[in-house]
N, C-alpha and C. Protein backbone atom coordinates (compact mmCIF):
# COMPACT_ATOMS: atom_id res chain seq x y z
N MET A 1 154.53 11.13 31.83
CA MET A 1 155.85 11.68 31.65
C MET A 1 156.23 12.42 32.93
N LEU A 2 157.45 12.23 33.39
CA LEU A 2 157.92 12.84 34.63
C LEU A 2 158.92 13.95 34.29
N PHE A 3 158.63 15.14 34.79
CA PHE A 3 159.55 16.25 34.61
C PHE A 3 160.20 16.55 35.94
N LYS A 4 161.51 16.63 35.96
CA LYS A 4 162.23 16.95 37.18
C LYS A 4 162.67 18.40 37.12
N THR A 5 162.59 19.05 38.24
CA THR A 5 163.09 20.42 38.34
C THR A 5 164.57 20.34 38.68
N ILE A 6 165.37 21.02 37.92
CA ILE A 6 166.81 21.03 38.17
C ILE A 6 167.15 22.34 38.86
N LYS A 7 167.70 22.25 40.05
CA LYS A 7 168.10 23.45 40.77
C LYS A 7 169.56 23.75 40.42
N ARG A 8 169.78 24.92 39.88
CA ARG A 8 171.13 25.32 39.52
C ARG A 8 171.50 26.58 40.28
N ASP A 9 172.70 26.64 40.76
CA ASP A 9 173.21 27.83 41.42
C ASP A 9 174.28 28.46 40.53
N GLY A 10 174.23 29.77 40.42
CA GLY A 10 175.27 30.47 39.67
C GLY A 10 175.00 30.51 38.17
N TRP A 11 176.02 30.93 37.46
CA TRP A 11 175.95 31.11 36.02
C TRP A 11 176.13 29.79 35.29
N GLU A 12 175.56 29.73 34.10
CA GLU A 12 175.84 28.60 33.22
C GLU A 12 177.28 28.75 32.74
N VAL A 13 177.95 27.65 32.56
CA VAL A 13 179.31 27.68 32.04
C VAL A 13 179.41 26.70 30.87
N ILE A 14 180.34 26.98 29.98
CA ILE A 14 180.63 26.07 28.88
C ILE A 14 182.11 25.76 28.95
N ASP A 15 182.43 24.49 29.13
CA ASP A 15 183.81 24.03 29.18
C ASP A 15 184.05 23.07 28.03
N TRP A 16 185.26 23.14 27.47
CA TRP A 16 185.68 22.19 26.45
C TRP A 16 186.63 21.19 27.10
N ILE A 17 186.61 19.96 26.64
CA ILE A 17 187.65 19.00 26.98
C ILE A 17 188.58 19.00 25.79
N VAL A 18 189.84 19.40 26.00
CA VAL A 18 190.77 19.57 24.89
C VAL A 18 192.11 18.92 25.21
N LYS A 19 192.92 18.79 24.18
CA LYS A 19 194.29 18.33 24.42
C LYS A 19 195.25 19.45 24.06
N ASN A 20 196.35 19.47 24.77
CA ASN A 20 197.38 20.47 24.56
C ASN A 20 198.16 20.09 23.31
N GLY A 21 198.20 20.99 22.34
CA GLY A 21 198.95 20.74 21.11
C GLY A 21 200.32 21.36 21.13
N GLY A 22 200.67 22.05 22.23
CA GLY A 22 201.96 22.72 22.32
C GLY A 22 203.04 21.87 22.97
N SER A 23 204.26 22.33 22.85
CA SER A 23 205.39 21.58 23.41
C SER A 23 205.66 21.93 24.87
N GLU A 24 204.87 22.85 25.44
CA GLU A 24 205.01 23.24 26.84
C GLU A 24 203.71 22.94 27.58
N PRO A 25 203.79 22.61 28.88
CA PRO A 25 202.56 22.41 29.66
C PRO A 25 201.73 23.69 29.70
N ILE A 26 200.43 23.55 29.91
CA ILE A 26 199.52 24.69 30.07
C ILE A 26 199.03 24.69 31.51
N SER A 27 199.17 25.82 32.19
CA SER A 27 198.70 25.91 33.57
C SER A 27 197.32 26.56 33.61
N SER A 28 196.59 26.31 34.69
CA SER A 28 195.25 26.90 34.81
C SER A 28 195.35 28.42 34.78
N GLY A 29 194.37 29.06 34.16
CA GLY A 29 194.35 30.52 34.02
C GLY A 29 194.99 31.03 32.74
N THR A 30 195.57 30.13 31.96
CA THR A 30 196.25 30.51 30.72
C THR A 30 195.26 30.61 29.56
N PRO A 31 195.29 31.71 28.78
CA PRO A 31 194.44 31.79 27.59
C PRO A 31 194.97 30.84 26.53
N VAL A 32 194.05 30.21 25.79
CA VAL A 32 194.46 29.29 24.72
C VAL A 32 193.61 29.52 23.48
N CYS A 33 194.18 29.16 22.33
CA CYS A 33 193.50 29.27 21.04
C CYS A 33 193.46 27.88 20.41
N TRP A 34 192.46 27.69 19.53
CA TRP A 34 192.41 26.45 18.76
C TRP A 34 193.58 26.43 17.80
N ASP A 35 194.24 25.30 17.69
CA ASP A 35 195.39 25.17 16.79
C ASP A 35 194.90 24.79 15.39
N ILE A 36 194.60 25.81 14.60
CA ILE A 36 194.13 25.58 13.23
C ILE A 36 195.27 25.72 12.23
N ALA A 37 196.47 26.06 12.72
CA ALA A 37 197.59 26.29 11.82
C ALA A 37 198.44 25.05 11.58
N SER A 38 198.70 24.26 12.62
CA SER A 38 199.59 23.12 12.42
C SER A 38 198.90 21.78 12.67
N ALA A 39 198.34 21.57 13.84
CA ALA A 39 197.77 20.25 14.16
C ALA A 39 196.44 20.00 13.47
N LYS A 40 195.55 20.96 13.52
CA LYS A 40 194.21 20.85 12.91
C LYS A 40 193.46 19.62 13.39
N ASP A 41 193.62 19.30 14.68
CA ASP A 41 192.99 18.12 15.24
C ASP A 41 192.17 18.42 16.49
N GLY A 42 191.82 19.67 16.69
CA GLY A 42 191.02 20.04 17.85
C GLY A 42 191.85 20.33 19.08
N SER A 43 193.15 20.45 18.95
CA SER A 43 194.00 20.76 20.09
C SER A 43 194.13 22.27 20.26
N VAL A 44 194.63 22.68 21.43
CA VAL A 44 194.79 24.09 21.73
C VAL A 44 196.26 24.40 22.03
N VAL A 45 196.63 25.66 21.83
CA VAL A 45 197.97 26.15 22.13
C VAL A 45 197.86 27.55 22.70
N LYS A 46 198.95 28.06 23.28
CA LYS A 46 198.91 29.43 23.78
C LYS A 46 198.72 30.39 22.60
N PRO A 47 198.18 31.58 22.85
CA PRO A 47 197.85 32.51 21.76
C PRO A 47 199.05 32.85 20.87
N LEU A 48 198.80 32.86 19.58
CA LEU A 48 199.77 33.29 18.58
C LEU A 48 199.03 34.21 17.62
N ASP A 49 199.74 35.12 16.98
CA ASP A 49 199.08 36.09 16.08
C ASP A 49 198.16 35.42 15.07
N VAL A 50 198.59 34.32 14.47
CA VAL A 50 197.79 33.68 13.43
C VAL A 50 196.56 32.97 13.99
N LEU A 51 196.48 32.81 15.32
CA LEU A 51 195.37 32.09 15.93
C LEU A 51 194.43 32.97 16.75
N MET A 52 194.68 34.27 16.82
CA MET A 52 193.89 35.16 17.66
C MET A 52 192.40 35.18 17.30
N ALA A 53 192.07 34.88 16.07
CA ALA A 53 190.67 34.92 15.65
C ALA A 53 189.89 33.69 16.09
N VAL A 54 190.58 32.69 16.67
CA VAL A 54 189.90 31.46 17.09
C VAL A 54 190.22 31.15 18.56
N PRO A 55 189.78 32.01 19.49
CA PRO A 55 190.05 31.74 20.90
C PRO A 55 189.24 30.54 21.39
N ALA A 56 189.89 29.67 22.15
CA ALA A 56 189.19 28.52 22.74
C ALA A 56 188.69 28.87 24.13
N GLY A 57 189.43 29.73 24.85
CA GLY A 57 189.04 30.13 26.19
C GLY A 57 190.22 30.20 27.13
N VAL A 58 189.97 29.88 28.41
CA VAL A 58 190.99 29.93 29.44
C VAL A 58 191.07 28.56 30.11
N ALA A 59 192.28 28.03 30.22
CA ALA A 59 192.47 26.72 30.83
C ALA A 59 192.05 26.76 32.30
N ILE A 60 191.26 25.78 32.71
CA ILE A 60 190.90 25.69 34.14
C ILE A 60 191.55 24.47 34.80
N ASP A 61 192.21 23.66 34.00
CA ASP A 61 193.02 22.54 34.51
C ASP A 61 194.44 22.70 33.99
N ASN A 62 195.39 22.15 34.74
CA ASN A 62 196.76 22.05 34.24
C ASN A 62 196.81 20.89 33.27
N SER A 63 197.56 21.04 32.21
CA SER A 63 197.73 19.92 31.28
C SER A 63 199.18 19.84 30.83
N GLY A 64 199.63 18.62 30.59
CA GLY A 64 201.00 18.41 30.17
C GLY A 64 201.21 18.75 28.71
N ALA A 65 202.45 18.70 28.29
CA ALA A 65 202.81 19.00 26.91
C ALA A 65 202.25 17.95 25.96
N ARG A 66 202.21 18.30 24.68
CA ARG A 66 201.72 17.41 23.63
C ARG A 66 202.40 16.04 23.73
N GLY A 67 201.60 15.00 23.67
CA GLY A 67 202.13 13.65 23.70
C GLY A 67 202.31 13.05 25.08
N SER A 68 202.16 13.85 26.14
CA SER A 68 202.32 13.30 27.48
C SER A 68 201.01 12.66 27.95
N TYR A 69 201.07 11.84 28.96
CA TYR A 69 199.88 11.13 29.44
C TYR A 69 198.82 12.07 30.01
N ASP A 70 199.22 13.27 30.44
CA ASP A 70 198.28 14.21 31.05
C ASP A 70 198.04 15.44 30.17
N SER A 71 198.05 15.27 28.87
CA SER A 71 197.93 16.42 27.96
C SER A 71 196.49 16.87 27.73
N VAL A 72 195.52 16.24 28.40
CA VAL A 72 194.12 16.59 28.24
C VAL A 72 193.63 17.37 29.46
N GLY A 73 192.81 18.40 29.23
CA GLY A 73 192.27 19.20 30.33
C GLY A 73 191.06 19.99 29.89
N ARG A 74 190.47 20.71 30.84
CA ARG A 74 189.29 21.52 30.55
C ARG A 74 189.69 22.96 30.25
N VAL A 75 188.94 23.57 29.33
CA VAL A 75 189.09 24.98 28.98
C VAL A 75 187.73 25.64 29.13
N ARG A 76 187.66 26.76 29.85
CA ARG A 76 186.42 27.50 30.03
C ARG A 76 186.22 28.42 28.84
N ALA A 77 185.15 28.18 28.09
CA ALA A 77 184.83 28.99 26.92
C ALA A 77 183.84 30.10 27.25
N TYR A 78 183.04 29.89 28.32
CA TYR A 78 182.04 30.89 28.70
C TYR A 78 181.73 30.72 30.17
N GLY A 79 181.90 31.78 30.95
CA GLY A 79 181.58 31.74 32.37
C GLY A 79 182.70 32.31 33.21
N TYR A 80 182.46 32.37 34.52
CA TYR A 80 183.44 32.92 35.46
C TYR A 80 184.54 31.92 35.76
N CYS A 81 185.77 32.42 35.89
CA CYS A 81 186.90 31.62 36.37
C CYS A 81 188.07 32.56 36.66
N LYS A 82 189.12 32.01 37.22
CA LYS A 82 190.35 32.77 37.46
C LYS A 82 191.17 32.77 36.17
N VAL A 83 191.68 33.95 35.82
CA VAL A 83 192.54 34.06 34.64
C VAL A 83 193.87 34.67 35.08
N ASN A 84 194.93 34.31 34.37
CA ASN A 84 196.23 34.93 34.63
C ASN A 84 196.24 36.31 34.01
N TYR A 85 196.65 37.32 34.81
CA TYR A 85 196.64 38.71 34.34
C TYR A 85 197.95 39.38 34.69
N SER A 86 198.39 40.29 33.83
CA SER A 86 199.56 41.11 34.11
C SER A 86 199.37 42.45 33.43
N GLY A 87 199.69 43.53 34.15
CA GLY A 87 199.61 44.85 33.54
C GLY A 87 199.04 45.92 34.43
N SER A 88 198.35 46.88 33.81
CA SER A 88 197.80 48.05 34.48
C SER A 88 196.68 47.68 35.44
N ALA A 89 196.33 48.61 36.31
CA ALA A 89 195.22 48.41 37.25
C ALA A 89 193.92 48.24 36.46
N ILE A 90 193.05 47.37 36.96
CA ILE A 90 191.78 47.13 36.30
C ILE A 90 190.63 47.20 37.29
N THR A 91 189.45 47.47 36.77
CA THR A 91 188.21 47.45 37.55
C THR A 91 187.21 46.59 36.80
N PRO A 92 186.12 46.18 37.43
CA PRO A 92 185.13 45.36 36.72
C PRO A 92 184.68 46.03 35.42
N GLY A 93 184.59 45.25 34.37
CA GLY A 93 184.20 45.75 33.06
C GLY A 93 185.36 45.93 32.11
N ALA A 94 186.59 45.84 32.61
CA ALA A 94 187.76 46.00 31.74
C ALA A 94 187.90 44.79 30.83
N GLU A 95 188.16 45.05 29.56
CA GLU A 95 188.37 43.96 28.61
C GLU A 95 189.79 43.45 28.74
N LEU A 96 189.92 42.14 28.85
CA LEU A 96 191.22 41.50 28.97
C LEU A 96 191.54 40.81 27.66
N VAL A 97 192.70 41.10 27.12
CA VAL A 97 193.06 40.63 25.79
C VAL A 97 194.28 39.73 25.83
N ALA A 98 194.39 38.89 24.83
CA ALA A 98 195.53 38.00 24.69
C ALA A 98 196.65 38.70 23.94
N THR A 99 197.87 38.28 24.24
CA THR A 99 199.05 38.77 23.55
C THR A 99 199.79 37.57 22.98
N SER A 100 200.24 37.69 21.77
CA SER A 100 200.90 36.57 21.10
C SER A 100 202.07 36.03 21.92
N GLY A 101 202.06 34.72 22.15
CA GLY A 101 203.16 34.06 22.85
C GLY A 101 203.13 34.16 24.35
N LYS A 102 202.14 34.83 24.93
CA LYS A 102 202.09 35.02 26.39
C LYS A 102 201.09 34.07 27.04
N THR A 103 201.31 33.77 28.30
CA THR A 103 200.44 32.86 29.04
C THR A 103 199.52 33.62 29.99
N TYR A 104 199.31 34.89 29.72
CA TYR A 104 198.44 35.71 30.55
C TYR A 104 197.68 36.70 29.67
N LEU A 105 196.67 37.35 30.26
CA LEU A 105 195.90 38.38 29.58
C LEU A 105 196.38 39.75 30.05
N THR A 106 196.19 40.76 29.23
CA THR A 106 196.53 42.14 29.59
C THR A 106 195.31 43.02 29.35
N LEU A 107 195.41 44.27 29.77
CA LEU A 107 194.30 45.21 29.65
C LEU A 107 194.14 45.70 28.22
N GLY A 108 192.89 45.70 27.74
CA GLY A 108 192.56 46.24 26.44
C GLY A 108 191.87 47.58 26.62
N VAL A 109 191.70 48.33 25.56
CA VAL A 109 191.05 49.63 25.62
C VAL A 109 189.54 49.43 25.72
N THR A 110 188.91 50.06 26.70
CA THR A 110 187.46 49.99 26.87
C THR A 110 186.94 51.36 27.25
N PHE A 111 185.63 51.49 27.35
CA PHE A 111 185.06 52.75 27.80
C PHE A 111 185.44 53.01 29.25
N VAL A 112 185.73 51.98 30.01
CA VAL A 112 186.13 52.16 31.41
C VAL A 112 187.58 52.59 31.50
N HIS A 113 188.42 52.06 30.60
CA HIS A 113 189.86 52.31 30.64
C HIS A 113 190.32 52.96 29.35
N ASN A 114 189.82 54.15 29.06
CA ASN A 114 190.16 54.78 27.79
C ASN A 114 191.57 55.35 27.77
N SER A 115 192.28 55.35 28.90
CA SER A 115 193.65 55.86 28.92
C SER A 115 194.66 54.73 28.92
N SER A 116 194.22 53.54 28.58
CA SER A 116 195.11 52.38 28.56
C SER A 116 196.23 52.58 27.56
N THR A 117 197.36 51.95 27.85
CA THR A 117 198.49 52.04 26.94
C THR A 117 198.42 50.99 25.84
N ALA A 118 197.41 50.13 25.91
CA ALA A 118 197.27 49.08 24.89
C ALA A 118 196.91 49.69 23.54
N GLU A 119 197.33 49.03 22.49
CA GLU A 119 196.97 49.45 21.14
C GLU A 119 195.50 49.15 20.90
N ALA A 120 194.99 49.55 19.76
CA ALA A 120 193.60 49.27 19.42
C ALA A 120 193.36 47.77 19.50
N VAL A 121 192.22 47.38 20.03
CA VAL A 121 191.92 45.98 20.26
C VAL A 121 191.01 45.44 19.16
N ASN A 122 191.43 44.37 18.54
CA ASN A 122 190.55 43.66 17.61
C ASN A 122 189.70 42.73 18.44
N LEU A 123 188.41 42.68 18.18
CA LEU A 123 187.51 41.90 19.02
C LEU A 123 187.90 40.45 19.22
N PRO A 124 188.43 39.72 18.25
CA PRO A 124 188.78 38.33 18.54
C PRO A 124 189.82 38.19 19.64
N LYS A 125 190.62 39.23 19.89
CA LYS A 125 191.64 39.14 20.94
C LYS A 125 191.04 39.21 22.33
N VAL A 126 189.81 39.70 22.49
CA VAL A 126 189.20 39.84 23.81
C VAL A 126 188.76 38.46 24.29
N PHE A 127 189.38 37.99 25.34
CA PHE A 127 189.07 36.68 25.89
C PHE A 127 188.12 36.77 27.07
N ALA A 128 188.24 37.85 27.86
CA ALA A 128 187.49 37.91 29.11
C ALA A 128 187.21 39.35 29.50
N VAL A 129 186.28 39.51 30.44
CA VAL A 129 185.95 40.80 31.02
C VAL A 129 186.20 40.70 32.52
N ALA A 130 186.97 41.63 33.07
CA ALA A 130 187.32 41.59 34.49
C ALA A 130 186.08 41.68 35.36
N ALA A 131 186.05 40.88 36.42
CA ALA A 131 184.94 40.90 37.37
C ALA A 131 185.37 41.44 38.72
N THR A 132 186.66 41.66 38.91
CA THR A 132 187.18 42.19 40.16
C THR A 132 188.16 43.32 39.88
N THR A 133 188.51 44.02 40.93
CA THR A 133 189.49 45.10 40.84
C THR A 133 190.87 44.53 41.15
N SER A 134 191.86 44.99 40.41
CA SER A 134 193.24 44.57 40.66
C SER A 134 194.14 45.76 40.43
N GLY A 135 195.13 45.92 41.29
CA GLY A 135 196.10 47.00 41.13
C GLY A 135 197.09 46.67 40.03
N THR A 136 197.98 47.61 39.75
CA THR A 136 199.03 47.40 38.76
C THR A 136 199.89 46.22 39.19
N THR A 137 200.22 45.36 38.24
CA THR A 137 201.03 44.19 38.56
C THR A 137 202.35 44.22 37.80
N THR A 138 203.38 43.72 38.44
CA THR A 138 204.66 43.57 37.75
C THR A 138 204.88 42.13 37.33
N GLY A 139 204.11 41.22 37.93
CA GLY A 139 204.17 39.81 37.55
C GLY A 139 202.80 39.35 37.10
N VAL A 140 202.61 38.06 37.07
CA VAL A 140 201.33 37.49 36.66
C VAL A 140 200.54 37.13 37.92
N VAL A 141 199.28 37.59 37.99
CA VAL A 141 198.42 37.31 39.14
C VAL A 141 197.08 36.75 38.65
N PRO A 142 196.44 35.91 39.47
CA PRO A 142 195.10 35.44 39.08
C PRO A 142 194.05 36.47 39.43
N VAL A 143 193.13 36.74 38.52
CA VAL A 143 192.00 37.63 38.77
C VAL A 143 190.72 36.96 38.32
N GLU A 144 189.62 37.29 38.97
CA GLU A 144 188.32 36.75 38.60
C GLU A 144 187.83 37.48 37.35
N ALA A 145 187.37 36.71 36.37
CA ALA A 145 186.90 37.32 35.12
C ALA A 145 185.80 36.47 34.52
N PHE A 146 185.04 37.09 33.64
CA PHE A 146 184.01 36.38 32.88
C PHE A 146 184.57 36.11 31.50
N VAL A 147 184.83 34.84 31.21
CA VAL A 147 185.40 34.46 29.93
C VAL A 147 184.29 34.42 28.89
N ARG A 148 184.57 34.99 27.72
CA ARG A 148 183.59 34.96 26.62
C ARG A 148 184.32 34.70 25.31
N ALA A 149 184.86 33.50 25.22
CA ALA A 149 185.60 33.12 24.01
C ALA A 149 184.67 32.70 22.88
N LEU A 150 183.42 32.44 23.18
CA LEU A 150 182.47 32.08 22.11
C LEU A 150 182.06 33.35 21.39
N LYS A 151 182.14 33.36 20.09
CA LYS A 151 181.80 34.56 19.33
C LYS A 151 180.50 34.37 18.59
């Protein structure tokens, strides 16, 4: 029997191959949830209140709207990637949470950011943990984060 040594660099990652179940394209860095409310076919959509308990992860590929030829893409469920962020200044360790209907993550309350203006965070809403520092943003910016959508 032959055993090969596999040399791996960096962290293990878990990516899903999914299809977009929404009527709008999904861009890389967008948080997505499994669509268990309408399609129930393994597709993903942007976060909605009824889907917050089933996060799929963060899109790492652009994908077209439901039914288009390019509606399939990868979603990072576990590991480092760029995520879309908007809101208060963050430092490594800040919990980034999804907001219903938004294509970006915002700051959640953590031991690092106990003065956050965010409401109490339910754990299923936490999609990622910030890995870099970012100043206050007025728009959406990409930040490096560790996605942990697997519960």
